[in-house]
Amino acid sequence: MSAHQAVFPIKTMARVFKVSASGYYAWRGRPASLRAARDIDLTRKMRTIHGASHKTYGAPRIHAGAAHRRRVKGGDVRRLLCRRELDPQPPALGREARANPAAH
């Protein structure tokens, strides 16, 4: 609602969303929940791990990297990956990893 406050009055948006204006202001003034704070911290770590892998790591590897530092649930990693659009990208053509390059 705050993003559209310049265009629409808060009272009007509150009525459309079926919430009270006072409830909106009370919610806006509250600190972030414990889960939201943890999500922000985990997302920051996930972006670091994802970027370090040249954006190729998916949920299992990001979970392993994040869980190395602290206890993290795999479901949280998958949920935040989808929400933050951190999709793994396939390796560039001709650059596939080989187990034994001399064998090829």
Protein backbone atom coordinates (compact mmCIF):
# COMPACT_ATOMS: atom_id res chain seq x y z
CA MET A 1 0.00 0.00 0.00
CA SER A 2 2.85 2.37 0.76
CA ALA A 3 4.12 2.00 -2.82
CA HIS A 4 0.79 3.33 -4.15
CA GLN A 5 0.22 5.91 -1.44
CA ALA A 6 1.05 8.77 -3.81
CA VAL A 7 -1.75 7.72 -6.16
CA PHE A 8 -4.46 6.42 -3.82
CA PRO A 9 -5.35 7.41 -0.26
CA ILE A 10 -4.60 4.82 2.43
CA LYS A 11 -8.24 4.82 3.56
CA THR A 12 -9.42 3.93 0.04
CA MET A 13 -6.86 1.13 -0.36
CA ALA A 14 -7.71 -0.20 3.11
CA ARG A 15 -11.38 -0.36 2.16
CA VAL A 16 -10.59 -2.15 -1.14
CA PHE A 17 -8.32 -4.68 0.62
CA LYS A 18 -10.85 -5.04 3.45
CA VAL A 19 -8.46 -4.04 6.21
CA SER A 20 -8.66 -1.14 8.62
CA ALA A 21 -6.43 1.85 8.06
CA SER A 22 -5.40 1.78 11.73
CA GLY A 23 -4.50 -1.91 11.36
CA TYR A 24 -2.32 -1.09 8.36
CA TYR A 25 -0.49 1.65 10.24
CA ALA A 26 -0.02 -0.64 13.26
CA TRP A 27 1.36 -3.41 11.02
CA ARG A 28 3.70 -0.98 9.26
CA GLY A 29 5.16 0.16 12.58
CA ARG A 30 5.92 -3.34 13.87
CA PRO A 31 9.38 -4.88 13.59
CA ALA A 32 9.87 -7.78 11.20
CA SER A 33 8.88 -11.20 12.52
CA LEU A 34 11.54 -13.72 13.50
CA ARG A 35 10.80 -15.76 10.36
CA ALA A 36 11.05 -12.69 8.12
CA ALA A 37 14.39 -11.73 9.72
CA ARG A 38 15.71 -15.27 9.22
CA ASP A 39 14.48 -15.24 5.60
CA ILE A 40 16.37 -12.01 4.93
CA ASP A 41 19.55 -13.46 6.43
CA LEU A 42 19.18 -16.76 4.56
CA THR A 43 18.42 -15.00 1.27
CA ARG A 44 21.60 -12.94 1.65
CA LYS A 45 23.63 -16.15 2.15
CA MET A 46 21.84 -17.88 -0.72
CA ARG A 47 22.62 -14.99 -3.10
CA THR A 48 26.31 -15.20 -2.11
CA ILE A 49 26.46 -18.97 -2.67
CA HIS A 50 24.44 -18.75 -5.90
CA GLY A 51 26.66 -15.99 -7.27
CA ALA A 52 29.88 -17.78 -6.31
CA SER A 53 28.71 -20.81 -8.30
CA HIS A 54 28.22 -18.62 -11.41
CA LYS A 55 24.48 -19.07 -10.84
CA THR A 56 24.58 -22.82 -11.50
CA TYR A 57 23.81 -24.18 -8.02
CA GLY A 58 20.26 -25.30 -7.30
CA ALA A 59 18.46 -25.91 -4.02
CA PRO A 60 20.41 -29.02 -2.87
CA ARG A 61 23.84 -27.42 -3.21
CA ILE A 62 22.73 -24.05 -1.86
CA HIS A 63 21.15 -25.86 1.09
CA ALA A 64 24.40 -27.73 1.73
CA GLY A 65 26.39 -24.49 1.59
CA ALA A 66 24.01 -22.60 3.85
CA ALA A 67 23.62 -25.51 6.29
CA HIS A 68 27.40 -25.65 6.62
CA ARG A 69 27.27 -22.45 8.65
CA ARG A 70 24.04 -22.99 10.60
CA ARG A 71 20.96 -25.18 10.76
CA VAL A 72 18.79 -24.58 7.69
CA LYS A 73 15.74 -26.45 6.42
CA GLY A 74 15.76 -27.55 2.79
CA GLY A 75 12.15 -26.43 2.41
CA ASP A 76 13.11 -22.89 3.40
CA VAL A 77 15.83 -22.85 0.74
CA ARG A 78 13.44 -24.10 -1.96
CA ARG A 79 10.73 -21.63 -0.90
CA LEU A 80 13.10 -18.68 -0.99
CA LEU A 81 14.70 -19.80 -4.27
CA CYS A 82 11.30 -19.69 -5.94
CA ARG A 83 10.31 -16.42 -4.31
CA ARG A 84 13.62 -14.64 -5.03
CA GLU A 85 13.92 -16.05 -8.57
CA LEU A 86 17.37 -17.56 -8.03
CA ASP A 87 17.04 -20.24 -10.68
CA PRO A 88 20.11 -22.28 -11.58
CA GLN A 89 21.36 -21.80 -15.11
CA PRO A 90 22.76 -24.66 -17.19
CA PRO A 91 26.50 -24.55 -17.90
CA ALA A 92 27.58 -22.92 -21.15
CA LEU A 93 27.76 -25.22 -24.16
CA GLY A 94 31.06 -27.04 -24.45
CA ARG A 95 31.91 -26.38 -20.81
CA GLU A 96 30.29 -29.40 -19.20
CA ALA A 97 32.19 -30.81 -16.26
CA ARG A 98 33.87 -34.12 -16.97
CA ALA A 99 34.84 -36.67 -14.37
CA ASN A 100 38.06 -37.52 -16.18
CA PRO A 101 39.01 -35.10 -18.98
CA ALA A 102 41.91 -37.32 -20.13
CA ALA A 103 39.47 -40.16 -20.88
CA HIS A 104 37.71 -38.13 -23.59
